[in-house]
PDB file of N, CA and C in Angstrom:
ATOM      1  N   MET A   1      99.377  88.451 123.799  1.00  0.00           N
ATOM      2  CA  MET A   1      98.958  88.704 125.079  1.00  0.00           C
ATOM      3  C   MET A   1      97.549  88.725 125.207  1.00  0.00           C
ATOM      4  N   ILE A   2      96.856  88.068 126.050  1.00  0.00           N
ATOM      5  CA  ILE A   2      95.272  88.100 126.125  1.00  0.00           C
ATOM      6  C   ILE A   2      95.070  89.032 127.172  1.00  0.00           C
ATOM      7  N   ASP A   3      94.000  89.913 126.849  1.00  0.00           N
ATOM      8  CA  ASP A   3      93.559  90.959 127.676  1.00  0.00           C
ATOM      9  C   ASP A   3      92.466  90.265 128.677  1.00  0.00           C
ATOM     10  N   GLU A   4      92.575  90.187 129.969  1.00  0.00           N
ATOM     11  CA  GLU A   4      91.717  89.595 130.843  1.00  0.00           C
ATOM     12  C   GLU A   4      90.279  90.058 130.668  1.00  0.00           C
ATOM     13  N   ALA A   5      90.219  91.454 130.391  1.00  0.00           N
ATOM     14  CA  ALA A   5      88.838  92.045 130.355  1.00  0.00           C
ATOM     15  C   ALA A   5      88.083  91.407 129.167  1.00  0.00           C
ATOM     16  N   GLN A   6      88.758  91.095 128.059  1.00  0.00           N
ATOM     17  CA  GLN A   6      88.120  90.657 126.816  1.00  0.00           C
ATOM     18  C   GLN A   6      88.097  89.118 126.748  1.00  0.00           C
ATOM     19  N   GLY A   7      89.052  88.405 127.474  1.00  0.00           N
ATOM     20  CA  GLY A   7      88.968  87.015 127.536  1.00  0.00           C
ATOM     21  C   GLY A   7      89.708  86.466 126.117  1.00  0.00           C
ATOM     22  N   PRO A   8      89.741  85.262 126.046  1.00  0.00           N
ATOM     23  CA  PRO A   8      90.608  84.697 124.902  1.00  0.00           C
ATOM     24  C   PRO A   8      89.746  84.819 123.576  1.00  0.00           C
ATOM     25  N   PRO A   9      90.516  84.976 122.466  1.00  0.00           N
ATOM     26  CA  PRO A   9      89.791  85.198 121.301  1.00  0.00           C
ATOM     27  C   PRO A   9      88.950  84.124 120.770  1.00  0.00           C
ATOM     28  N   SER A  10      87.876  84.573 120.101  1.00  0.00           N
ATOM     29  CA  SER A  10      86.968  83.430 119.752  1.00  0.00           C
ATOM     30  C   SER A  10      87.547  82.493 118.685  1.00  0.00           C
ATOM     31  N   LYS A  11      86.944  81.375 118.401  1.00  0.00           N
ATOM     32  CA  LYS A  11      87.353  80.342 117.299  1.00  0.00           C
ATOM     33  C   LYS A  11      87.316  80.988 116.032  1.00  0.00           C
ATOM     34  N   ALA A  12      86.203  81.862 115.852  1.00  0.00           N
ATOM     35  CA  ALA A  12      86.081  82.430 114.603  1.00  0.00           C
ATOM     36  C   ALA A  12      87.284  83.435 114.271  1.00  0.00           C
ATOM     37  N   ALA A  13      87.677  84.158 115.237  1.00  0.00           N
ATOM     38  CA  ALA A  13      88.708  85.240 115.050  1.00  0.00           C
ATOM     39  C   ALA A  13      89.988  84.427 114.842  1.00  0.00           C
ATOM     40  N   VAL A  14      90.237  83.260 115.555  1.00  0.00           N
ATOM     41  CA  VAL A  14      91.550  82.707 115.250  1.00  0.00           C
ATOM     42  C   VAL A  14      91.397  81.998 113.843  1.00  0.00           C
ATOM     43  N   ALA A  15      90.254  81.470 113.236  1.00  0.00           N
ATOM     44  CA  ALA A  15      90.327  80.796 112.115  1.00  0.00           C
ATOM     45  C   ALA A  15      90.411  81.856 110.955  1.00  0.00           C
ATOM     46  N   GLY A  16      89.701  82.938 111.224  1.00  0.00           N
ATOM     47  CA  GLY A  16      89.933  84.085 110.164  1.00  0.00           C
ATOM     48  C   GLY A  16      91.285  84.590 110.115  1.00  0.00           C
ATOM     49  N   ALA A  17      92.125  84.585 111.244  1.00  0.00           N
ATOM     50  CA  ALA A  17      93.468  85.080 111.118  1.00  0.00           C
ATOM     51  C   ALA A  17      94.381  83.883 110.345  1.00  0.00           C
ATOM     52  N   LEU A  18      94.001  82.571 110.726  1.00  0.00           N
ATOM     53  CA  LEU A  18      94.679  81.609 109.917  1.00  0.00           C
ATOM     54  C   LEU A  18      94.403  81.584 108.675  1.00  0.00           C
ATOM     55  N   VAL A  19      93.172  81.824 108.082  1.00  0.00           N
ATOM     56  CA  VAL A  19      92.897  81.749 106.795  1.00  0.00           C
ATOM     57  C   VAL A  19      93.625  83.004 106.121  1.00  0.00           C
ATOM     58  N   GLY A  20      93.552  84.118 106.712  1.00  0.00           N
ATOM     59  CA  GLY A  20      94.299  85.487 105.953  1.00  0.00           C
ATOM     60  C   GLY A  20      95.601  85.186 105.938  1.00  0.00           C
ATOM     61  N   ASN A  21      96.311  84.592 106.915  1.00  0.00           N
ATOM     62  CA  ASN A  21      97.722  84.465 106.942  1.00  0.00           C
ATOM     63  C   ASN A  21      98.043  83.383 105.670  1.00  0.00           C
ATOM     64  N   ALA A  22      97.233  82.273 105.492  1.00  0.00           N
ATOM     65  CA  ALA A  22      97.503  81.370 104.574  1.00  0.00           C
ATOM     66  C   ALA A  22      97.277  81.911 103.162  1.00  0.00           C
ATOM     67  N   ILE A  23      96.467  82.956 103.009  1.00  0.00           N
ATOM     68  CA  ILE A  23      96.208  83.574 101.696  1.00  0.00           C
ATOM     69  C   ILE A  23      97.370  84.555 101.473  1.00  0.00           C
ATOM     70  N   GLU A  24      97.876  85.115 102.383  1.00  0.00           N
ATOM     71  CA  GLU A  24      99.014  86.023 102.300  1.00  0.00           C
ATOM     72  C   GLU A  24     100.301  85.266 101.853  1.00  0.00           C
ATOM     73  N   TRP A  25     100.523  83.926 102.488  1.00  0.00           N
ATOM     74  CA  TRP A  25     101.696  83.136 102.155  1.00  0.00           C
ATOM     75  C   TRP A  25     101.462  82.512 100.690  1.00  0.00           C
ATOM     76  N   TYR A  26     100.267  82.277 100.240  1.00  0.00           N
ATOM     77  CA  TYR A  26      99.905  81.695  99.152  1.00  0.00           C
ATOM     78  C   TYR A  26     100.509  82.583  97.933  1.00  0.00           C
ATOM     79  N   ASP A  27     100.438  83.899  98.164  1.00  0.00           N
ATOM     80  CA  ASP A  27     101.106  84.723  97.145  1.00  0.00           C
ATOM     81  C   ASP A  27     102.642  84.526  96.958  1.00  0.00           C
ATOM     82  N   PHE A  28     103.290  84.483  98.067  1.00  0.00           N
ATOM     83  CA  PHE A  28     104.665  84.122  97.957  1.00  0.00           C
ATOM     84  C   PHE A  28     104.990  82.668  97.413  1.00  0.00           C
ATOM     85  N   LEU A  29     104.128  81.772  97.607  1.00  0.00           N
ATOM     86  CA  LEU A  29     104.187  80.453  97.189  1.00  0.00           C
ATOM     87  C   LEU A  29     103.973  80.437  95.662  1.00  0.00           C
ATOM     88  N   ALA A  30     103.012  81.079  95.156  1.00  0.00           N
ATOM     89  CA  ALA A  30     102.642  81.164  93.723  1.00  0.00           C
ATOM     90  C   ALA A  30     103.743  81.796  93.147  1.00  0.00           C
ATOM     91  N   TYR A  31     104.310  82.857  93.580  1.00  0.00           N
ATOM     92  CA  TYR A  31     105.550  83.575  92.802  1.00  0.00           C
ATOM     93  C   TYR A  31     106.708  82.595  92.743  1.00  0.00           C
ATOM     94  N   SER A  32     106.922  81.772  93.810  1.00  0.00           N
ATOM     95  CA  SER A  32     108.011  80.910  93.957  1.00  0.00           C
ATOM     96  C   SER A  32     107.797  79.665  93.000  1.00  0.00           C
ATOM     97  N   ILE A  33     106.677  79.143  92.915  1.00  0.00           N
ATOM     98  CA  ILE A  33     106.352  78.109  91.984  1.00  0.00           C
ATOM     99  C   ILE A  33     106.571  78.677  90.398  1.00  0.00           C
ATOM    100  N   PHE A  34     106.180  79.810  90.100  1.00  0.00           N
ATOM    101  CA  PHE A  34     106.133  80.270  88.789  1.00  0.00           C
ATOM    102  C   PHE A  34     107.484  81.057  88.517  1.00  0.00           C
ATOM    103  N   SER A  35     108.427  81.146  89.491  1.00  0.00           N
ATOM    104  CA  SER A  35     109.701  82.070  89.206  1.00  0.00           C
ATOM    105  C   SER A  35     110.436  81.562  87.922  1.00  0.00           C
ATOM    106  N   LEU A  36     110.291  80.158  87.656  1.00  0.00           N
ATOM    107  CA  LEU A  36     111.140  79.714  86.489  1.00  0.00           C
ATOM    108  C   LEU A  36     110.549  80.241  85.289  1.00  0.00           C
ATOM    109  N   TYR A  37     109.271  80.441  85.272  1.00  0.00           N
ATOM    110  CA  TYR A  37     108.529  81.084  84.033  1.00  0.00           C
ATOM    111  C   TYR A  37     108.747  82.620  83.904  1.00  0.00           C
ATOM    112  N   PHE A  38     108.613  83.204  85.140  1.00  0.00           N
ATOM    113  CA  PHE A  38     108.898  84.673  85.157  1.00  0.00           C
ATOM    114  C   PHE A  38     110.362  84.926  84.850  1.00  0.00           C
ATOM    115  N   ALA A  39     111.153  84.065  85.229  1.00  0.00           N
ATOM    116  CA  ALA A  39     112.732  84.509  84.834  1.00  0.00           C
ATOM    117  C   ALA A  39     112.825  84.465  83.320  1.00  0.00           C
ATOM    118  N   LYS A  40     112.342  83.302  82.726  1.00  0.00           N
ATOM    119  CA  LYS A  40     112.305  83.374  81.275  1.00  0.00           C
ATOM    120  C   LYS A  40     111.687  84.605  80.516  1.00  0.00           C
ATOM    121  N   ALA A  41     110.508  84.855  81.245  1.00  0.00           N
ATOM    122  CA  ALA A  41     109.598  85.856  80.427  1.00  0.00           C
ATOM    123  C   ALA A  41     110.191  87.417  80.636  1.00  0.00           C
ATOM    124  N   PHE A  42     110.648  87.570  81.750  1.00  0.00           N
ATOM    125  CA  PHE A  42     110.986  89.059  82.058  1.00  0.00           C
ATOM    126  C   PHE A  42     112.398  89.550  82.278  1.00  0.00           C
ATOM    127  N   PHE A  43     113.343  88.607  81.932  1.00  0.00           N
ATOM    128  CA  PHE A  43     114.726  88.842  81.962  1.00  0.00           C
ATOM    129  C   PHE A  43     115.481  88.408  80.678  1.00  0.00           C
ATOM    130  N   PRO A  44     116.588  89.025  80.399  1.00  0.00           N
ATOM    131  CA  PRO A  44     117.389  88.547  79.228  1.00  0.00           C
ATOM    132  C   PRO A  44     117.713  87.160  79.260  1.00  0.00           C
ATOM    133  N   ALA A  45     117.946  86.585  78.069  1.00  0.00           N
ATOM    134  CA  ALA A  45     118.197  85.095  78.079  1.00  0.00           C
ATOM    135  C   ALA A  45     119.632  84.852  77.987  1.00  0.00           C
ATOM    136  N   ASP A  46     120.384  85.798  78.293  1.00  0.00           N
ATOM    137  CA  ASP A  46     122.041  85.625  78.152  1.00  0.00           C
ATOM    138  C   ASP A  46     122.510  84.415  79.154  1.00  0.00           C
ATOM    139  N   ALA A  47     121.958  84.447  80.318  1.00  0.00           N
ATOM    140  CA  ALA A  47     122.555  83.483  81.395  1.00  0.00           C
ATOM    141  C   ALA A  47     121.183  83.119  82.309  1.00  0.00           C
ATOM    142  N   THR A  48     121.064  81.676  82.304  1.00  0.00           N
ATOM    143  CA  THR A  48     119.957  81.231  83.060  1.00  0.00           C
ATOM    144  C   THR A  48     120.104  81.555  84.755  1.00  0.00           C
ATOM    145  N   THR A  49     121.347  81.553  85.081  1.00  0.00           N
ATOM    146  CA  THR A  49     121.526  81.779  86.365  1.00  0.00           C
ATOM    147  C   THR A  49     121.283  83.279  86.800  1.00  0.00           C
ATOM    148  N   VAL A  50     121.561  84.172  85.909  1.00  0.00           N
ATOM    149  CA  VAL A  50     121.425  85.569  86.108  1.00  0.00           C
ATOM    150  C   VAL A  50     119.816  85.730  86.243  1.00  0.00           C
ATOM    151  N   GLN A  51     118.982  85.098  85.181  1.00  0.00           N
ATOM    152  CA  GLN A  51     117.560  85.161  85.241  1.00  0.00           C
ATOM    153  C   GLN A  51     117.010  84.799  86.460  1.00  0.00           C
ATOM    154  N   LEU A  52     117.539  83.639  87.061  1.00  0.00           N
ATOM    155  CA  LEU A  52     116.991  83.081  88.312  1.00  0.00           C
ATOM    156  C   LEU A  52     117.436  83.999  89.525  1.00  0.00           C
ATOM    157  N   MET A  53     118.605  84.596  89.617  1.00  0.00           N
ATOM    158  CA  MET A  53     118.883  85.577  90.561  1.00  0.00           C
ATOM    159  C   MET A  53     118.109  86.773  90.620  1.00  0.00           C
ATOM    160  N   ASN A  54     117.836  87.250  89.606  1.00  0.00           N
ATOM    161  CA  ASN A  54     117.114  88.452  89.420  1.00  0.00           C
ATOM    162  C   ASN A  54     115.595  88.205  89.906  1.00  0.00           C
ATOM    163  N   THR A  55     115.052  87.033  89.655  1.00  0.00           N
ATOM    164  CA  THR A  55     113.855  86.610  90.123  1.00  0.00           C
ATOM    165  C   THR A  55     113.817  86.438  91.593  1.00  0.00           C
ATOM    166  N   ALA A  56     114.891  85.914  92.180  1.00  0.00           N
ATOM    167  CA  ALA A  56     115.089  85.630  93.473  1.00  0.00           C
ATOM    168  C   ALA A  56     115.256  87.106  94.203  1.00  0.00           C
ATOM    169  N   ALA A  57     115.895  88.065  93.701  1.00  0.00           N
ATOM    170  CA  ALA A  57     116.095  89.306  94.142  1.00  0.00           C
ATOM    171  C   ALA A  57     114.710  89.894  94.350  1.00  0.00           C
ATOM    172  N   ILE A  58     113.700  89.754  93.497  1.00  0.00           N
ATOM    173  CA  ILE A  58     112.585  90.451  93.559  1.00  0.00           C
ATOM    174  C   ILE A  58     111.686  89.895  94.600  1.00  0.00           C
ATOM    175  N   ALA A  59     111.653  88.485  94.695  1.00  0.00           N
ATOM    176  CA  ALA A  59     111.141  87.828  95.933  1.00  0.00           C
ATOM    177  C   ALA A  59     111.806  88.386  97.299  1.00  0.00           C
ATOM    178  N   ALA A  60     112.918  88.544  97.361  1.00  0.00           N
ATOM    179  CA  ALA A  60     113.567  88.947  98.499  1.00  0.00           C
ATOM    180  C   ALA A  60     113.151  90.432  98.870  1.00  0.00           C
ATOM    181  N   VAL A  61     112.739  91.231  97.870  1.00  0.00           N
ATOM    182  CA  VAL A  61     112.377  92.571  98.184  1.00  0.00           C
ATOM    183  C   VAL A  61     110.899  92.421  98.803  1.00  0.00           C
ATOM    184  N   GLY A  62     110.225  91.393  98.308  1.00  0.00           N
ATOM    185  CA  GLY A  62     108.900  91.173  99.071  1.00  0.00           C
ATOM    186  C   GLY A  62     109.067  90.756 100.418  1.00  0.00           C
ATOM    187  N   TYR A  63     110.016  89.907 100.701  1.00  0.00           N
ATOM    188  CA  TYR A  63     110.215  89.506 102.304  1.00  0.00           C
ATOM    189  C   TYR A  63     110.702  90.593 103.157  1.00  0.00           C
ATOM    190  N   VAL A  64     111.612  91.421 102.410  1.00  0.00           N
ATOM    191  CA  VAL A  64     112.021  92.477 103.267  1.00  0.00           C
ATOM    192  C   VAL A  64     111.162  93.586 103.436  1.00  0.00           C
ATOM    193  N   GLY A  65     110.104  93.874 102.417  1.00  0.00           N
ATOM    194  CA  GLY A  65     109.158  94.778 102.554  1.00  0.00           C
ATOM    195  C   GLY A  65     107.990  94.451 103.316  1.00  0.00           C
ATOM    196  N   ARG A  66     107.893  93.176 103.729  1.00  0.00           N
ATOM    197  CA  ARG A  66     106.850  92.709 104.519  1.00  0.00           C
ATOM    198  C   ARG A  66     106.649  93.297 105.937  1.00  0.00           C
ATOM    199  N   PRO A  67     107.818  93.396 106.734  1.00  0.00           N
ATOM    200  CA  PRO A  67     107.719  94.163 108.083  1.00  0.00           C
ATOM    201  C   PRO A  67     107.374  95.486 107.833  1.00  0.00           C
ATOM    202  N   LEU A  68     107.962  96.225 106.856  1.00  0.00           N
ATOM    203  CA  LEU A  68     107.721  97.638 106.856  1.00  0.00           C
ATOM    204  C   LEU A  68     106.239  97.894 106.393  1.00  0.00           C
ATOM    205  N   GLY A  69     105.772  97.136 105.441  1.00  0.00           N
ATOM    206  CA  GLY A  69     104.261  97.165 105.089  1.00  0.00           C
ATOM    207  C   GLY A  69     103.465  96.794 106.215  1.00  0.00           C
ATOM    208  N   SER A  70     103.778  96.051 107.068  1.00  0.00           N
ATOM    209  CA  SER A  70     102.873  95.572 108.211  1.00  0.00           C
ATOM    210  C   SER A  70     102.730  96.888 109.185  1.00  0.00           C
ATOM    211  N   CYS A  71     104.048  97.362 109.298  1.00  0.00           N
ATOM    212  CA  CYS A  71     103.991  98.606 110.310  1.00  0.00           C
ATOM    213  C   CYS A  71     103.146  99.747 109.708  1.00  0.00           C
ATOM    214  N   LEU A  72     103.243 100.041 108.349  1.00  0.00           N
ATOM    215  CA  LEU A  72     102.614 101.053 107.688  1.00  0.00           C
ATOM    216  C   LEU A  72     100.896 100.681 107.779  1.00  0.00           C
ATOM    217  N   ILE A  73     100.704  99.464 107.443  1.00  0.00           N
ATOM    218  CA  ILE A  73      99.336  99.102 107.260  1.00  0.00           C
ATOM    219  C   ILE A  73      98.637  98.943 108.816  1.00  0.00           C
ATOM    220  N   GLY A  74      99.521  98.766 109.847  1.00  0.00           N
ATOM    221  CA  GLY A  74      98.990  98.757 111.236  1.00  0.00           C
ATOM    222  C   GLY A  74      98.668 100.144 111.582  1.00  0.00           C
ATOM    223  N   LEU A  75      99.551 101.130 111.122  1.00  0.00           N
ATOM    224  CA  LEU A  75      99.266 102.513 111.521  1.00  0.00           C
ATOM    225  C   LEU A  75      97.896 103.056 110.821  1.00  0.00           C
ATOM    226  N   TYR A  76      97.858 102.479 109.624  1.00  0.00           N
ATOM    227  CA  TYR A  76      96.655 102.952 108.833  1.00  0.00           C
ATOM    228  C   TYR A  76      95.392 102.329 109.505  1.00  0.00           C
ATOM    229  N   ALA A  77      95.503 101.091 109.896  1.00  0.00           N
ATOM    230  CA  ALA A  77      94.339 100.451 110.367  1.00  0.00           C
ATOM    231  C   ALA A  77      93.827 101.025 111.770  1.00  0.00           C
ATOM    232  N   ASP A  78      94.941 101.470 112.565  1.00  0.00           N
ATOM    233  CA  ASP A  78      94.667 102.127 113.870  1.00  0.00           C
ATOM    234  C   ASP A  78      94.023 103.457 113.656  1.00  0.00           C
ATOM    235  N   ARG A  79      94.083 104.125 112.514  1.00  0.00           N
ATOM    236  CA  ARG A  79      93.700 105.439 112.260  1.00  0.00           C
ATOM    237  C   ARG A  79      92.245 105.310 111.548  1.00  0.00           C
ATOM    238  N   ARG A  80      92.241 104.391 110.522  1.00  0.00           N
ATOM    239  CA  ARG A  80      91.127 104.429 109.501  1.00  0.00           C
ATOM    240  C   ARG A  80      90.228 103.200 109.868  1.00  0.00           C
ATOM    241  N   GLY A  81      90.570 102.078 110.527  1.00  0.00           N
ATOM    242  CA  GLY A  81      89.975 100.999 110.701  1.00  0.00           C
ATOM    243  C   GLY A  81      90.338  99.721 110.132  1.00  0.00           C
ATOM    244  N   ARG A  82      90.152  98.680 110.531  1.00  0.00           N
ATOM    245  CA  ARG A  82      90.502  97.334 110.020  1.00  0.00           C
ATOM    246  C   ARG A  82      90.094  97.003 108.717  1.00  0.00           C
ATOM    247  N   ARG A  83      88.707  97.329 108.577  1.00  0.00           N
ATOM    248  CA  ARG A  83      88.012  97.104 107.412  1.00  0.00           C
ATOM    249  C   ARG A  83      88.549  97.812 106.200  1.00  0.00           C
ATOM    250  N   ARG A  84      88.967  99.037 106.489  1.00  0.00           N
ATOM    251  CA  ARG A  84      89.638  99.773 105.364  1.00  0.00           C
ATOM    252  C   ARG A  84      91.050  99.288 104.957  1.00  0.00           C
ATOM    253  N   ALA A  85      91.702  98.883 106.035  1.00  0.00           N
ATOM    254  CA  ALA A  85      93.165  98.402 105.893  1.00  0.00           C
ATOM    255  C   ALA A  85      92.960  96.971 105.139  1.00  0.00           C
ATOM    256  N   LEU A  86      92.049  96.141 105.375  1.00  0.00           N
ATOM    257  CA  LEU A  86      92.029  95.108 104.693  1.00  0.00           C
ATOM    258  C   LEU A  86      91.606  95.128 103.242  1.00  0.00           C
ATOM    259  N   THR A  87      90.799  96.153 103.020  1.00  0.00           N
ATOM    260  CA  THR A  87      90.360  96.350 101.645  1.00  0.00           C
ATOM    261  C   THR A  87      91.555  96.891 100.842  1.00  0.00           C
ATOM    262  N   LEU A  88      92.347  97.700 101.473  1.00  0.00           N
ATOM    263  CA  LEU A  88      93.514  98.186 100.841  1.00  0.00           C
ATOM    264  C   LEU A  88      94.418  97.194 100.483  1.00  0.00           C
ATOM    265  N   LEU A  89      94.793  96.131 101.608  1.00  0.00           N
ATOM    266  CA  LEU A  89      95.576  95.102 101.275  1.00  0.00           C
ATOM    267  C   LEU A  89      95.087  94.235 100.145  1.00  0.00           C
ATOM    268  N   VAL A  90      93.880  93.939 100.136  1.00  0.00           N
ATOM    269  CA  VAL A  90      93.283  92.882  99.213  1.00  0.00           C
ATOM    270  C   VAL A  90      93.419  93.461  97.781  1.00  0.00           C
ATOM    271  N   GLY A  91      93.117  94.917  97.701  1.00  0.00           N
ATOM    272  CA  GLY A  91      93.205  95.551  96.416  1.00  0.00           C
ATOM    273  C   GLY A  91      94.599  95.693  95.966  1.00  0.00           C
ATOM    274  N   GLY A  92      95.546  95.807  96.866  1.00  0.00           N
ATOM    275  CA  GLY A  92      96.959  95.972  96.499  1.00  0.00           C
ATOM    276  C   GLY A  92      97.512  94.551  95.929  1.00  0.00           C
ATOM    277  N   MET A  93      97.090  93.470  96.596  1.00  0.00           N
ATOM    278  CA  MET A  93      97.452  92.279  96.051  1.00  0.00           C
ATOM    279  C   MET A  93      96.884  91.950  94.730  1.00  0.00           C
ATOM    280  N   CYS A  94      95.709  92.372  94.527  1.00  0.00           N
ATOM    281  CA  CYS A  94      94.986  92.137  93.221  1.00  0.00           C
ATOM    282  C   CYS A  94      95.637  92.933  92.170  1.00  0.00           C
ATOM    283  N   LEU A  95      95.983  94.143  92.620  1.00  0.00           N
ATOM    284  CA  LEU A  95      96.740  95.040  91.676  1.00  0.00           C
ATOM    285  C   LEU A  95      98.197  94.445  91.111  1.00  0.00           C
ATOM    286  N   GLY A  96      98.681  93.931  92.264  1.00  0.00           N
ATOM    287  CA  GLY A  96     100.110  93.438  91.838  1.00  0.00           C
ATOM    288  C   GLY A  96      99.935  92.279  91.027  1.00  0.00           C
ATOM    289  N   SER A  97      99.027  91.311  91.179  1.00  0.00           N
ATOM    290  CA  SER A  97      98.813  90.082  90.367  1.00  0.00           C
ATOM    291  C   SER A  97      98.385  90.603  89.048  1.00  0.00           C
ATOM    292  N   MET A  98      97.543  91.656  89.019  1.00  0.00           N
ATOM    293  CA  MET A  98      97.240  92.231  87.565  1.00  0.00           C
ATOM    294  C   MET A  98      98.444  92.770  86.752  1.00  0.00           C
ATOM    295  N   MET A  99      99.213  93.380  87.470  1.00  0.00           N
ATOM    296  CA  MET A  99     100.389  93.950  86.776  1.00  0.00           C
ATOM    297  C   MET A  99     101.254  92.932  86.424  1.00  0.00           C
ATOM    298  N   ILE A 100     101.297  91.824  87.038  1.00  0.00           N
ATOM    299  CA  ILE A 100     102.260  90.650  86.436  1.00  0.00           C
ATOM    300  C   ILE A 100     101.590  90.121  85.291  1.00  0.00           C
ATOM    301  N   ALA A 101     100.336  89.966  85.298  1.00  0.00           N
ATOM    302  CA  ALA A 101      99.607  89.273  84.179  1.00  0.00           C
ATOM    303  C   ALA A 101      99.648  90.172  82.982  1.00  0.00           C
ATOM    304  N   LEU A 102      99.459  91.582  83.050  1.00  0.00           N
ATOM    305  CA  LEU A 102      99.551  92.446  81.978  1.00  0.00           C
ATOM    306  C   LEU A 102     100.943  93.087  81.478  1.00  0.00           C
ATOM    307  N   ALA A 103     101.984  92.641  82.238  1.00  0.00           N
ATOM    308  CA  ALA A 103     103.347  93.130  81.931  1.00  0.00           C
ATOM    309  C   ALA A 103     103.744  92.564  80.595  1.00  0.00           C
ATOM    310  N   PRO A 104     104.358  93.275  79.789  1.00  0.00           N
ATOM    311  CA  PRO A 104     105.052  92.800  78.538  1.00  0.00           C
ATOM    312  C   PRO A 104     106.220  91.996  78.849  1.00  0.00           C
ATOM    313  N   THR A 105     106.442  91.118  78.200  1.00  0.00           N
ATOM    314  CA  THR A 105     107.795  90.113  78.342  1.00  0.00           C
ATOM    315  C   THR A 105     109.063  90.918  77.950  1.00  0.00           C
ATOM    316  N   TYR A 106     110.058  90.443  78.251  1.00  0.00           N
ATOM    317  CA  TYR A 106     111.309  91.005  77.864  1.00  0.00           C
ATOM    318  C   TYR A 106     111.587  91.093  76.365  1.00  0.00           C
ATOM    319  N   ALA A 107     110.975  90.083  75.676  1.00  0.00           N
ATOM    320  CA  ALA A 107     111.018  90.123  74.165  1.00  0.00           C
ATOM    321  C   ALA A 107     110.364  91.236  73.492  1.00  0.00           C
ATOM    322  N   ILE A 108     109.264  91.612  74.242  1.00  0.00           N
ATOM    323  CA  ILE A 108     108.420  92.759  73.676  1.00  0.00           C
ATOM    324  C   ILE A 108     109.029  94.137  74.188  1.00  0.00           C
ATOM    325  N   ALA A 109     109.265  94.218  75.459  1.00  0.00           N
ATOM    326  CA  ALA A 109     109.671  95.636  76.096  1.00  0.00           C
ATOM    327  C   ALA A 109     111.089  95.717  76.239  1.00  0.00           C
ATOM    328  N   GLY A 110     111.893  94.746  76.039  1.00  0.00           N
ATOM    329  CA  GLY A 110     113.252  94.899  76.229  1.00  0.00           C
ATOM    330  C   GLY A 110     114.069  95.782  75.237  1.00  0.00           C
ATOM    331  N   PRO A 111     115.312  95.990  75.229  1.00  0.00           N
ATOM    332  CA  PRO A 111     116.033  96.956  74.479  1.00  0.00           C
ATOM    333  C   PRO A 111     115.974  96.247  73.037  1.00  0.00           C
ATOM    334  N   GLY A 112     115.822  97.205  72.001  1.00  0.00           N
ATOM    335  CA  GLY A 112     115.855  96.687  70.679  1.00  0.00           C
ATOM    336  C   GLY A 112     117.152  96.224  70.220  1.00  0.00           C
ATOM    337  N   PRO A 113     117.245  96.095  68.842  1.00  0.00           N
ATOM    338  CA  PRO A 113     118.492  95.535  68.295  1.00  0.00           C
ATOM    339  C   PRO A 113     119.704  96.566  68.570  1.00  0.00           C
ATOM    340  N   GLN A 114     120.879  96.112  68.949  1.00  0.00           N
ATOM    341  CA  GLN A 114     121.997  96.932  69.243  1.00  0.00           C
ATOM    342  C   GLN A 114     122.457  97.618  67.900  1.00  0.00           C
ATOM    343  N   ARG A 115     122.724  99.007  67.969  1.00  0.00           N
ATOM    344  CA  ARG A 115     123.172  99.560  66.852  1.00  0.00           C
ATOM    345  C   ARG A 115     124.568 100.114  67.226  1.00  0.00           C
ATOM    346  N   CYS A 116     125.480 100.045  66.236  1.00  0.00           N
ATOM    347  CA  CYS A 116     126.837 100.574  66.457  1.00  0.00           C
ATOM    348  C   CYS A 116     127.046 102.006  66.076  1.00  0.00           C
TER     349      CYS A 116
END
């Protein structure tokens, strides 16, 4: 809704919102593209279907968590400011990417040999 006192948003504001949304969706796209590699690296190799389902379940958590996160970040931005909220979001995305990059694979961190 456009506030008549402020007028329509500027072109720079609209462009910034579009770029920010594109970057956010890029994260989901990158995970989707590399999900075949993540499935093989982070889940047991017993069944390929189970690997892919586990990877899809992790993506689903991201899609479900997005509305909850937007509510929480919106409240944070209202209290602390948009700049701090944006910094928190970018830092969180960087941290998540770094965690995936540094996480050990299933072959390294998975259960050891089964003993009877």
